[in-house]
Protein backbone atom coordinates (compact mmCIF):
# COMPACT_ATOMS: atom_id res chain seq x y z
CA UNK A 1 306.72 55.69 116.84
CA UNK A 2 304.35 57.21 114.28
CA UNK A 3 305.73 59.35 111.45
CA UNK A 4 304.23 62.74 110.65
CA UNK A 5 305.19 62.79 106.99
CA UNK A 6 305.49 60.59 103.93
CA UNK A 7 308.98 59.39 103.48
CA UNK A 8 310.75 60.62 100.36
CA UNK A 9 313.74 58.39 99.88
CA UNK A 10 316.80 59.56 97.99
CA UNK A 11 319.70 57.26 96.99
CA UNK A 12 322.91 57.41 99.04
CA UNK A 13 326.08 57.61 97.01
CA UNK A 14 328.31 54.56 97.18
CA UNK A 15 325.77 52.30 98.98
CA UNK A 16 322.68 50.25 98.22
CA UNK A 17 320.65 52.30 100.72
CA UNK A 18 318.11 55.10 100.36
CA UNK A 19 317.57 57.77 103.01
CA UNK A 20 314.73 60.09 103.84
CA UNK A 21 315.46 63.68 104.97
CA UNK A 22 314.29 62.66 108.46
CA UNK A 23 317.13 60.13 108.70
CA UNK A 24 315.21 56.90 108.13
CA UNK A 25 317.28 54.52 105.95
CA UNK A 26 316.27 51.37 104.15
CA UNK A 27 317.66 49.00 101.51
CA UNK A 28 317.38 50.33 98.01
CA UNK A 29 314.73 48.68 95.88
CA UNK A 30 316.30 48.40 92.44
CA UNK A 31 312.94 48.10 90.72
CA UNK A 32 311.92 51.69 91.56
CA UNK A 33 313.29 54.89 90.08
CA UNK A 34 313.64 57.40 92.89
CA UNK A 35 314.31 60.41 90.69
CA UNK A 36 311.36 62.21 89.20
CA UNK A 37 311.44 62.32 85.41
CA UNK A 38 310.33 65.71 84.14
CA UNK A 39 309.44 66.58 80.58
CA UNK A 40 308.96 70.06 79.21
CA UNK A 41 305.37 71.17 78.84
CA UNK A 42 303.95 70.96 75.34
CA UNK A 43 303.39 74.46 74.01
CA UNK A 44 300.85 73.49 71.34
CA UNK A 45 298.12 70.92 71.30
CA UNK A 46 298.41 67.87 69.12
CA UNK A 47 294.72 67.10 68.62
CA UNK A 48 293.08 67.46 65.24
CA UNK A 49 291.13 70.48 66.48
CA UNK A 50 294.27 72.20 67.77
CA UNK A 51 295.93 71.62 64.39
CA UNK A 52 292.86 73.01 62.58
CA UNK A 53 292.96 76.13 64.79
CA UNK A 54 296.72 76.60 64.01
CA UNK A 55 295.95 76.40 60.30
CA UNK A 56 293.15 78.95 60.72
CA UNK A 57 295.52 81.32 62.57
CA UNK A 58 298.08 81.05 59.75
CA UNK A 59 295.32 81.74 57.20
CA UNK A 60 294.18 84.77 59.17
CA UNK A 61 297.74 86.09 59.14
CA UNK A 62 298.01 85.57 55.39
CA UNK A 63 294.61 87.25 54.91
CA UNK A 64 295.42 90.39 56.90
CA UNK A 65 298.73 90.77 55.11
CA UNK A 66 296.91 90.77 51.75
CA UNK A 67 294.06 92.97 52.95
CA UNK A 68 295.92 95.51 55.08
CA UNK A 69 299.26 95.48 53.28
CA UNK A 70 301.26 95.93 56.51
CA UNK A 71 300.90 96.95 60.13
CA UNK A 72 297.84 99.22 60.42
CA UNK A 73 299.53 101.26 63.18
CA UNK A 74 302.14 102.42 60.69
CA UNK A 75 299.57 104.80 59.21
CA UNK A 76 299.18 106.63 62.52
CA UNK A 77 302.30 108.62 63.59
CA UNK A 78 301.24 108.93 67.22
CA UNK A 79 301.50 105.11 67.62
CA UNK A 80 305.24 105.01 66.98
CA UNK A 81 307.33 103.11 64.45
CA UNK A 82 306.79 99.55 63.46
CA UNK A 83 309.15 96.65 64.20
CA UNK A 84 309.22 92.89 63.65
CA UNK A 85 307.14 90.47 61.62
CA UNK A 86 303.45 90.84 60.90
CA UNK A 87 300.76 88.77 62.56
CA UNK A 88 296.97 88.67 62.71
CA UNK A 89 295.72 90.45 65.86
CA UNK A 90 292.23 89.42 67.02
CA UNK A 91 290.14 92.44 67.96
CA UNK A 92 287.77 90.20 70.03
CA UNK A 93 289.71 87.53 71.94
CA UNK A 94 290.28 84.09 70.41
CA UNK A 95 288.38 82.48 73.26
CA UNK A 96 285.12 83.31 71.45
CA UNK A 97 284.53 80.67 68.81
CA UNK A 98 282.05 82.66 66.75
CA UNK A 99 284.67 85.32 65.98
CA UNK A 100 287.87 83.17 66.03
CA UNK A 101 288.07 82.55 62.28
CA UNK A 102 286.55 85.85 61.03
CA UNK A 103 288.93 87.89 58.94
CA UNK A 104 287.00 91.03 59.82
CA UNK A 105 287.84 90.35 63.47
CA UNK A 106 291.57 90.64 62.71
CA UNK A 107 293.98 93.37 61.75
CA UNK A 108 297.65 93.20 60.74
CA UNK A 109 300.01 94.28 63.53
CA UNK A 110 303.82 94.12 63.75
CA UNK A 111 305.38 92.54 66.84
CA UNK A 112 306.15 95.90 68.44
CA UNK A 113 302.57 97.11 68.23
CA UNK A 114 301.07 93.72 69.09
CA UNK A 115 303.18 92.90 72.16
CA UNK A 116 304.11 96.34 73.45
CA UNK A 117 301.80 99.12 72.20
CA UNK A 118 298.46 97.32 72.46
CA UNK A 119 298.74 96.24 76.12
CA UNK A 120 300.10 99.58 77.30
CA UNK A 121 297.84 101.84 75.22
CA UNK A 122 294.53 99.93 75.07
CA UNK A 123 292.34 103.01 74.53
CA UNK A 124 294.45 104.41 71.70
CA UNK A 125 294.61 100.92 70.18
CA UNK A 126 290.82 100.61 70.26
CA UNK A 127 290.32 104.06 68.78
CA UNK A 128 292.74 103.36 65.90
CA UNK A 129 291.28 99.92 65.12
CA UNK A 130 287.70 101.26 65.29
CA UNK A 131 288.64 104.03 62.85
CA UNK A 132 290.41 101.57 60.53
CA UNK A 133 287.71 98.86 60.33
CA UNK A 134 284.72 101.20 60.71
CA UNK A 135 282.05 101.51 63.39
CA UNK A 136 279.69 98.98 61.67
CA UNK A 137 282.27 96.18 61.63
CA UNK A 138 283.34 97.07 65.22
CA UNK A 139 279.69 96.81 66.41
CA UNK A 140 279.14 93.55 64.51
CA UNK A 141 282.10 91.68 65.96
CA UNK A 142 281.29 92.86 69.47
CA UNK A 143 277.69 91.76 69.00
CA UNK A 144 278.96 88.33 67.96
CA UNK A 145 281.18 88.26 71.03
CA UNK A 146 278.07 88.75 73.21
CA UNK A 147 276.28 85.92 71.40
CA UNK A 148 279.21 83.54 71.69
CA UNK A 149 279.67 81.69 75.00
CA UNK A 150 283.29 81.42 76.10
CA UNK A 151 283.06 77.67 76.58
CA UNK A 152 281.53 76.47 73.35
CA UNK A 153 282.77 73.26 71.87
CA UNK A 154 283.12 73.28 68.15
CA UNK A 155 283.68 69.88 66.57
CA UNK A 156 286.43 69.18 64.10
CA UNK A 157 283.88 69.45 61.32
CA UNK A 158 282.94 72.98 62.49
CA UNK A 159 286.60 74.13 62.54
CA UNK A 160 287.22 72.63 59.10
CA UNK A 161 284.17 74.53 57.81
CA UNK A 162 285.54 77.76 59.32
CA UNK A 163 288.85 76.99 57.61
CA UNK A 164 287.21 76.38 54.21
CA UNK A 165 285.23 79.62 54.41
CA UNK A 166 288.39 81.52 55.36
CA UNK A 167 290.26 80.02 52.36
CA UNK A 168 287.44 81.16 50.04
CA UNK A 169 287.48 84.64 51.59
CA UNK A 170 291.25 84.98 51.15
CA UNK A 171 291.01 83.73 47.52
CA UNK A 172 288.55 86.55 46.94
CA UNK A 173 291.04 89.05 48.39
CA UNK A 174 293.75 87.85 45.98
CA UNK A 175 291.31 88.16 43.07
CA UNK A 176 290.50 91.77 44.09
CA UNK A 177 294.23 92.46 44.40
CA UNK A 178 294.91 91.15 40.88
CA UNK A 179 292.14 93.30 39.32
CA UNK A 180 293.42 96.55 40.88
């Protein structure tokens, strides 16, 4: 008799046998583990490039905190009140490598505006950000988005160069802040 499925054997309690759901039984092979070992999915990459991009994201958050001084939506009463910690919000998606590490592509948003307001009020969000950063910067980062292919492979050297340039830019922001 020919079977119509692959047998998936499970151990029987109290015996040395394993049984398939179709009823076929055989002697348990003690060298095999019949239970599937599952591990949780890794949430972050562990490659050197993934670590460099994490460092860049932290630098961007630090940079927008210094430059913007708080959530930019707090200056606009029609966007509602702020809530939660501040983070750097990319105006053009992070999938575009040319704009990923640009401080001018980011604004400071609180959790409430980043996770709730932006997705549900995209047009108002765009209008507020465009007013805040200026039409020239808005046009420049969208032009860079058009020039940047989605699947572009930056090497570790390229990401480290982006990181170095960002550190220099943030140092300049601190110097401007001191001289105010």
